[in-house]
C-alpha atoms as a PDB file:
ATOM      1  CA  UNK A   1      23.201  -5.936 -15.794  1.00  0.00           C
ATOM      2  CA  UNK A   2      20.110  -5.299 -17.915  1.00  0.00           C
ATOM      3  CA  UNK A   3      20.446  -2.193 -20.156  1.00  0.00           C
ATOM      4  CA  UNK A   4      17.131  -0.337 -20.529  1.00  0.00           C
ATOM      5  CA  UNK A   5      16.225   1.623 -23.666  1.00  0.00           C
ATOM      6  CA  UNK A   6      13.569   4.175 -22.758  1.00  0.00           C
ATOM      7  CA  UNK A   7      12.766   3.802 -19.075  1.00  0.00           C
ATOM      8  CA  UNK A   8      14.447   4.660 -15.776  1.00  0.00           C
ATOM      9  CA  UNK A   9      13.571   2.304 -12.920  1.00  0.00           C
ATOM     10  CA  UNK A  10      13.616   3.859  -9.446  1.00  0.00           C
ATOM     11  CA  UNK A  11      13.724   2.242  -6.004  1.00  0.00           C
ATOM     12  CA  UNK A  12      10.185   1.363  -4.755  1.00  0.00           C
ATOM     13  CA  UNK A  13       8.999   1.120  -8.377  1.00  0.00           C
ATOM     14  CA  UNK A  14       7.455  -1.976  -9.982  1.00  0.00           C
ATOM     15  CA  UNK A  15       7.781  -1.979 -13.766  1.00  0.00           C
ATOM     16  CA  UNK A  16       6.953  -4.396 -16.610  1.00  0.00           C
ATOM     17  CA  UNK A  17       9.788  -4.748 -19.133  1.00  0.00           C
ATOM     18  CA  UNK A  18       9.627  -6.307 -22.601  1.00  0.00           C
ATOM     19  CA  UNK A  19      13.032  -7.746 -23.437  1.00  0.00           C
ATOM     20  CA  UNK A  20      14.131  -9.111 -26.797  1.00  0.00           C
ATOM     21  CA  UNK A  21      17.912  -8.730 -27.057  1.00  0.00           C
ATOM     22  CA  UNK A  22      19.832 -11.959 -26.497  1.00  0.00           C
ATOM     23  CA  UNK A  23      22.218 -10.513 -23.903  1.00  0.00           C
ATOM     24  CA  UNK A  24      19.325  -9.062 -21.928  1.00  0.00           C
ATOM     25  CA  UNK A  25      17.306 -12.295 -22.032  1.00  0.00           C
ATOM     26  CA  UNK A  26      20.413 -14.194 -20.861  1.00  0.00           C
ATOM     27  CA  UNK A  27      20.899 -11.736 -17.978  1.00  0.00           C
ATOM     28  CA  UNK A  28      17.292 -12.186 -16.835  1.00  0.00           C
ATOM     29  CA  UNK A  29      17.541 -15.992 -17.083  1.00  0.00           C
ATOM     30  CA  UNK A  30      20.755 -16.008 -15.051  1.00  0.00           C
ATOM     31  CA  UNK A  31      19.159 -13.729 -12.475  1.00  0.00           C
ATOM     32  CA  UNK A  32      16.177 -16.088 -12.078  1.00  0.00           C
ATOM     33  CA  UNK A  33      18.528 -19.059 -11.678  1.00  0.00           C
ATOM     34  CA  UNK A  34      20.457 -17.274  -8.912  1.00  0.00           C
ATOM     35  CA  UNK A  35      19.023 -14.781  -6.407  1.00  0.00           C
ATOM     36  CA  UNK A  36      16.650 -12.873  -8.740  1.00  0.00           C
ATOM     37  CA  UNK A  37      18.787  -9.735  -8.320  1.00  0.00           C
ATOM     38  CA  UNK A  38      19.561  -7.629 -11.401  1.00  0.00           C
ATOM     39  CA  UNK A  39      21.111  -4.226 -12.044  1.00  0.00           C
ATOM     40  CA  UNK A  40      18.830  -1.997 -14.150  1.00  0.00           C
ATOM     41  CA  UNK A  41      20.657   0.774 -15.966  1.00  0.00           C
ATOM     42  CA  UNK A  42      19.386   3.054 -18.734  1.00  0.00           C
ATOM     43  CA  UNK A  43      21.200   3.469 -22.051  1.00  0.00           C
ATOM     44  CA  UNK A  44      22.488   6.947 -22.831  1.00  0.00           C
ATOM     45  CA  UNK A  45      20.794   6.661 -26.241  1.00  0.00           C
ATOM     46  CA  UNK A  46      17.700   4.495 -26.816  1.00  0.00           C
ATOM     47  CA  UNK A  47      18.612   4.053 -30.484  1.00  0.00           C
ATOM     48  CA  UNK A  48      21.698   1.899 -29.842  1.00  0.00           C
ATOM     49  CA  UNK A  49      20.767  -1.742 -30.556  1.00  0.00           C
ATOM     50  CA  UNK A  50      23.929  -3.381 -29.251  1.00  0.00           C
ATOM     51  CA  UNK A  51      25.122  -1.191 -26.382  1.00  0.00           C
ATOM     52  CA  UNK A  52      28.675  -1.349 -25.082  1.00  0.00           C
ATOM     53  CA  UNK A  53      30.001  -0.189 -21.708  1.00  0.00           C
ATOM     54  CA  UNK A  54      30.261   3.448 -22.859  1.00  0.00           C
ATOM     55  CA  UNK A  55      26.568   3.437 -23.928  1.00  0.00           C
ATOM     56  CA  UNK A  56      25.222   2.454 -20.490  1.00  0.00           C
ATOM     57  CA  UNK A  57      24.708   4.847 -17.566  1.00  0.00           C
ATOM     58  CA  UNK A  58      26.974   4.070 -14.631  1.00  0.00           C
ATOM     59  CA  UNK A  59      24.216   4.822 -12.082  1.00  0.00           C
ATOM     60  CA  UNK A  60      21.196   2.550 -11.938  1.00  0.00           C
ATOM     61  CA  UNK A  61      18.946   0.585  -9.614  1.00  0.00           C
ATOM     62  CA  UNK A  62      19.450  -2.850  -8.126  1.00  0.00           C
ATOM     63  CA  UNK A  63      16.153  -4.650  -8.578  1.00  0.00           C
ATOM     64  CA  UNK A  64      14.442  -7.976  -8.002  1.00  0.00           C
ATOM     65  CA  UNK A  65      12.876  -9.978 -10.837  1.00  0.00           C
ATOM     66  CA  UNK A  66       9.373 -10.768  -9.587  1.00  0.00           C
ATOM     67  CA  UNK A  67       8.134 -12.602 -12.653  1.00  0.00           C
ATOM     68  CA  UNK A  68       9.438 -13.845 -15.995  1.00  0.00           C
ATOM     69  CA  UNK A  69       7.219 -14.841 -18.902  1.00  0.00           C
ATOM     70  CA  UNK A  70       8.489 -16.103 -22.247  1.00  0.00           C
ATOM     71  CA  UNK A  71       6.271 -14.962 -25.128  1.00  0.00           C
ATOM     72  CA  UNK A  72       5.632 -16.933 -28.368  1.00  0.00           C
ATOM     73  CA  UNK A  73       7.634 -14.431 -30.480  1.00  0.00           C
ATOM     74  CA  UNK A  74      10.800 -15.124 -28.461  1.00  0.00           C
ATOM     75  CA  UNK A  75      10.714 -11.971 -26.364  1.00  0.00           C
ATOM     76  CA  UNK A  76      10.476 -12.048 -22.589  1.00  0.00           C
ATOM     77  CA  UNK A  77       8.183 -10.049 -20.338  1.00  0.00           C
ATOM     78  CA  UNK A  78       9.699  -9.371 -16.931  1.00  0.00           C
ATOM     79  CA  UNK A  79       8.197  -7.729 -13.880  1.00  0.00           C
ATOM     80  CA  UNK A  80      10.894  -6.031 -11.805  1.00  0.00           C
ATOM     81  CA  UNK A  81      10.904  -4.115  -8.532  1.00  0.00           C
ATOM     82  CA  UNK A  82      13.545  -1.461  -7.846  1.00  0.00           C
ATOM     83  CA  UNK A  83      15.295  -1.737  -4.483  1.00  0.00           C
ATOM     84  CA  UNK A  84      18.202   0.710  -4.145  1.00  0.00           C
ATOM     85  CA  UNK A  85      20.596   2.911  -6.117  1.00  0.00           C
ATOM     86  CA  UNK A  86      24.049   1.678  -7.059  1.00  0.00           C
ATOM     87  CA  UNK A  87      26.963   2.717  -9.243  1.00  0.00           C
ATOM     88  CA  UNK A  88      29.069   0.592 -11.576  1.00  0.00           C
ATOM     89  CA  UNK A  89      32.550   0.094 -10.154  1.00  0.00           C
ATOM     90  CA  UNK A  90      33.715  -1.945 -13.115  1.00  0.00           C
ATOM     91  CA  UNK A  91      32.431  -4.155 -15.921  1.00  0.00           C
ATOM     92  CA  UNK A  92      33.452  -7.812 -15.683  1.00  0.00           C
ATOM     93  CA  UNK A  93      34.658  -9.450 -18.883  1.00  0.00           C
ATOM     94  CA  UNK A  94      33.304 -12.520 -20.595  1.00  0.00           C
ATOM     95  CA  UNK A  95      29.932 -14.230 -20.462  1.00  0.00           C
ATOM     96  CA  UNK A  96      26.855 -14.061 -22.663  1.00  0.00           C
ATOM     97  CA  UNK A  97      25.480 -11.014 -20.814  1.00  0.00           C
ATOM     98  CA  UNK A  98      26.742  -7.873 -19.050  1.00  0.00           C
ATOM     99  CA  UNK A  99      28.140  -8.416 -15.549  1.00  0.00           C
ATOM    100  CA  UNK A 100      29.225  -5.602 -13.258  1.00  0.00           C
ATOM    101  CA  UNK A 101      30.740  -5.011  -9.862  1.00  0.00           C
ATOM    102  CA  UNK A 102      28.714  -2.378  -7.994  1.00  0.00           C
ATOM    103  CA  UNK A 103      29.160   0.049  -5.143  1.00  0.00           C
ATOM    104  CA  UNK A 104      26.107   1.239  -3.176  1.00  0.00           C
ATOM    105  CA  UNK A 105      25.129   4.922  -3.229  1.00  0.00           C
ATOM    106  CA  UNK A 106      24.550   6.182   0.285  1.00  0.00           C
ATOM    107  CA  UNK A 107      21.980   8.894   0.955  1.00  0.00           C
ATOM    108  CA  UNK A 108      22.419  11.215   3.922  1.00  0.00           C
ATOM    109  CA  UNK A 109      19.286  11.915   5.935  1.00  0.00           C
ATOM    110  CA  UNK A 110      17.831  15.421   5.860  1.00  0.00           C
ATOM    111  CA  UNK A 111      17.267  17.412   9.056  1.00  0.00           C
ATOM    112  CA  UNK A 112      13.711  16.723  10.261  1.00  0.00           C
ATOM    113  CA  UNK A 113      12.260  20.186   9.558  1.00  0.00           C
ATOM    114  CA  UNK A 114      13.839  20.390   6.107  1.00  0.00           C
ATOM    115  CA  UNK A 115      12.555  16.911   5.225  1.00  0.00           C
ATOM    116  CA  UNK A 116       9.003  17.844   6.223  1.00  0.00           C
ATOM    117  CA  UNK A 117       9.175  21.100   4.227  1.00  0.00           C
ATOM    118  CA  UNK A 118      10.341  19.259   1.074  1.00  0.00           C
ATOM    119  CA  UNK A 119       7.703  16.531   1.520  1.00  0.00           C
ATOM    120  CA  UNK A 120       4.876  19.046   1.890  1.00  0.00           C
ATOM    121  CA  UNK A 121       6.023  21.040  -1.143  1.00  0.00           C
ATOM    122  CA  UNK A 122       6.236  17.954  -3.399  1.00  0.00           C
ATOM    123  CA  UNK A 123       2.909  16.523  -2.164  1.00  0.00           C
ATOM    124  CA  UNK A 124       1.178  19.875  -2.732  1.00  0.00           C
ATOM    125  CA  UNK A 125       2.637  20.193  -6.243  1.00  0.00           C
ATOM    126  CA  UNK A 126       1.612  16.616  -7.104  1.00  0.00           C
ATOM    127  CA  UNK A 127      -1.920  17.292  -5.838  1.00  0.00           C
ATOM    128  CA  UNK A 128      -2.114  20.406  -8.027  1.00  0.00           C
ATOM    129  CA  UNK A 129      -0.850  18.418 -11.024  1.00  0.00           C
ATOM    130  CA  UNK A 130      -3.398  15.633 -10.374  1.00  0.00           C
ATOM    131  CA  UNK A 131      -6.291  18.144 -10.349  1.00  0.00           C
ATOM    132  CA  UNK A 132      -5.231  19.476 -13.744  1.00  0.00           C
ATOM    133  CA  UNK A 133      -4.703  16.036 -15.327  1.00  0.00           C
ATOM    134  CA  UNK A 134      -8.010  14.438 -14.199  1.00  0.00           C
ATOM    135  CA  UNK A 135      -6.765  10.936 -15.071  1.00  0.00           C
ATOM    136  CA  UNK A 136      -4.702  10.084 -11.989  1.00  0.00           C
ATOM    137  CA  UNK A 137      -6.245   7.488  -9.696  1.00  0.00           C
ATOM    138  CA  UNK A 138      -7.393   8.427  -6.206  1.00  0.00           C
ATOM    139  CA  UNK A 139      -5.388   5.463  -4.859  1.00  0.00           C
ATOM    140  CA  UNK A 140      -2.158   6.962  -6.218  1.00  0.00           C
ATOM    141  CA  UNK A 141      -3.017  10.441  -4.892  1.00  0.00           C
ATOM    142  CA  UNK A 142      -3.774   8.975  -1.447  1.00  0.00           C
ATOM    143  CA  UNK A 143      -0.587   6.880  -1.545  1.00  0.00           C
ATOM    144  CA  UNK A 144       1.571   9.929  -2.364  1.00  0.00           C
ATOM    145  CA  UNK A 145      -0.106  11.874   0.462  1.00  0.00           C
ATOM    146  CA  UNK A 146       0.837   9.236   3.066  1.00  0.00           C
ATOM    147  CA  UNK A 147       4.548   8.745   2.215  1.00  0.00           C
ATOM    148  CA  UNK A 148       6.677  10.193   4.999  1.00  0.00           C
ATOM    149  CA  UNK A 149      10.144   9.241   3.720  1.00  0.00           C
ATOM    150  CA  UNK A 150      11.523  11.992   1.416  1.00  0.00           C
ATOM    151  CA  UNK A 151      13.633   9.632  -0.708  1.00  0.00           C
ATOM    152  CA  UNK A 152      10.748   7.210  -1.252  1.00  0.00           C
ATOM    153  CA  UNK A 153       8.409  10.112  -2.018  1.00  0.00           C
ATOM    154  CA  UNK A 154      10.763  11.599  -4.622  1.00  0.00           C
ATOM    155  CA  UNK A 155      11.254   8.233  -6.347  1.00  0.00           C
ATOM    156  CA  UNK A 156       7.542   7.323  -6.283  1.00  0.00           C
ATOM    157  CA  UNK A 157       6.462  10.698  -7.690  1.00  0.00           C
ATOM    158  CA  UNK A 158       9.202  10.724 -10.351  1.00  0.00           C
ATOM    159  CA  UNK A 159       8.131   7.266 -11.535  1.00  0.00           C
ATOM    160  CA  UNK A 160       4.663   8.598 -12.433  1.00  0.00           C
ATOM    161  CA  UNK A 161       5.769  11.520 -14.598  1.00  0.00           C
ATOM    162  CA  UNK A 162       6.696  11.564 -18.285  1.00  0.00           C
ATOM    163  CA  UNK A 163       9.772  13.702 -17.757  1.00  0.00           C
ATOM    164  CA  UNK A 164      12.487  13.617 -20.402  1.00  0.00           C
ATOM    165  CA  UNK A 165      14.740  10.580 -20.015  1.00  0.00           C
ATOM    166  CA  UNK A 166      17.746  12.793 -19.171  1.00  0.00           C
ATOM    167  CA  UNK A 167      15.779  14.443 -16.343  1.00  0.00           C
ATOM    168  CA  UNK A 168      14.664  11.071 -14.998  1.00  0.00           C
ATOM    169  CA  UNK A 169      18.256   9.829 -15.044  1.00  0.00           C
ATOM    170  CA  UNK A 170      19.440  13.014 -13.323  1.00  0.00           C
ATOM    171  CA  UNK A 171      16.880  12.455 -10.546  1.00  0.00           C
ATOM    172  CA  UNK A 172      18.216   8.922 -10.122  1.00  0.00           C
ATOM    173  CA  UNK A 173      21.837  10.102 -10.000  1.00  0.00           C
ATOM    174  CA  UNK A 174      21.197  12.916  -7.483  1.00  0.00           C
ATOM    175  CA  UNK A 175      21.901  11.351  -4.094  1.00  0.00           C
ATOM    176  CA  UNK A 176      21.821  14.662  -2.213  1.00  0.00           C
ATOM    177  CA  UNK A 177      18.193  14.526  -1.085  1.00  0.00           C
ATOM    178  CA  UNK A 178      17.700  18.269  -0.789  1.00  0.00           C
ATOM    179  CA  UNK A 179      18.919  18.767  -4.381  1.00  0.00           C
ATOM    180  CA  UNK A 180      16.793  15.875  -5.691  1.00  0.00           C
ATOM    181  CA  UNK A 181      13.608  17.175  -4.039  1.00  0.00           C
ATOM    182  CA  UNK A 182      14.271  20.700  -5.380  1.00  0.00           C
ATOM    183  CA  UNK A 183      14.900  19.369  -8.897  1.00  0.00           C
ATOM    184  CA  UNK A 184      11.735  17.242  -8.742  1.00  0.00           C
ATOM    185  CA  UNK A 185       9.695  20.252  -7.604  1.00  0.00           C
ATOM    186  CA  UNK A 186      11.009  22.361 -10.503  1.00  0.00           C
ATOM    187  CA  UNK A 187      10.142  19.611 -13.007  1.00  0.00           C
ATOM    188  CA  UNK A 188       6.603  19.177 -11.611  1.00  0.00           C
ATOM    189  CA  UNK A 189       5.966  22.940 -11.688  1.00  0.00           C
ATOM    190  CA  UNK A 190       7.171  23.048 -15.312  1.00  0.00           C
ATOM    191  CA  UNK A 191       4.699  20.269 -16.186  1.00  0.00           C
ATOM    192  CA  UNK A 192       1.897  22.187 -14.435  1.00  0.00           C
ATOM    193  CA  UNK A 193       2.754  25.342 -16.403  1.00  0.00           C
ATOM    194  CA  UNK A 194       2.774  23.377 -19.689  1.00  0.00           C
ATOM    195  CA  UNK A 195      -0.696  21.918 -18.951  1.00  0.00           C
ATOM    196  CA  UNK A 196      -2.073  25.372 -18.096  1.00  0.00           C
ATOM    197  CA  UNK A 197      -0.565  26.860 -21.257  1.00  0.00           C
ATOM    198  CA  UNK A 198      -2.041  23.991 -23.306  1.00  0.00           C
ATOM    199  CA  UNK A 199      -5.480  24.643 -21.795  1.00  0.00           C
ATOM    200  CA  UNK A 200      -5.216  28.378 -22.571  1.00  0.00           C
ATOM    201  CA  UNK A 201      -4.240  27.663 -26.197  1.00  0.00           C
ATOM    202  CA  UNK A 202      -7.132  25.210 -26.645  1.00  0.00           C
ATOM    203  CA  UNK A 203      -9.492  27.729 -25.064  1.00  0.00           C
ATOM    204  CA  UNK A 204      -8.389  30.469 -27.477  1.00  0.00           C
ATOM    205  CA  UNK A 205      -8.742  28.148 -30.495  1.00  0.00           C
ATOM    206  CA  UNK A 206     -12.230  27.112 -29.355  1.00  0.00           C
ATOM    207  CA  UNK A 207     -13.276  30.771 -28.928  1.00  0.00           C
ATOM    208  CA  UNK A 208     -11.947  31.637 -32.402  1.00  0.00           C
ATOM    209  CA  UNK A 209     -13.777  28.690 -33.975  1.00  0.00           C
ATOM    210  CA  UNK A 210     -17.033  29.685 -32.267  1.00  0.00           C
END
């Protein structure tokens, strides 16, 4: 297990991680020496330097270590790819890093019509958000528009938002697809409203200054 401080890794997501804690470096090294599989789980509080079992979320993502690079200052840069959700069954004692026994988290498929409705709603909201932000690549927008699997869509979209860490973790823990898509939609629409409000405030300030 690799405890993460300030990031939630989702399935289908590739993320660079900078790792400096001894236990975490040991876990990555062991993973590379075995099957390159590692369990990525976010700490409940980013400020805890030496997390214990109680400080680590029980739901996380099984990932593959794609690349490992040791930097001159002793830290390690790892490139990981999320594969699927899992839940900690129990922590295993001993060793120079965290080891856990996991149980997979099974997602039930949505009825076809409901899946399509959720997909369209999320894609439309993301498109609206992208127009307001002006800094999202066309490749990402096109990629989001072509995803036809609701679970993959929800995870891919969530990975590209700066939601609060608790909200990101809640999205990861919500296996009921209908609930996850609805929660994601609410969070995106909140972000859109914040951007619009920010633009209105800046507009008013500019008018007053002029």
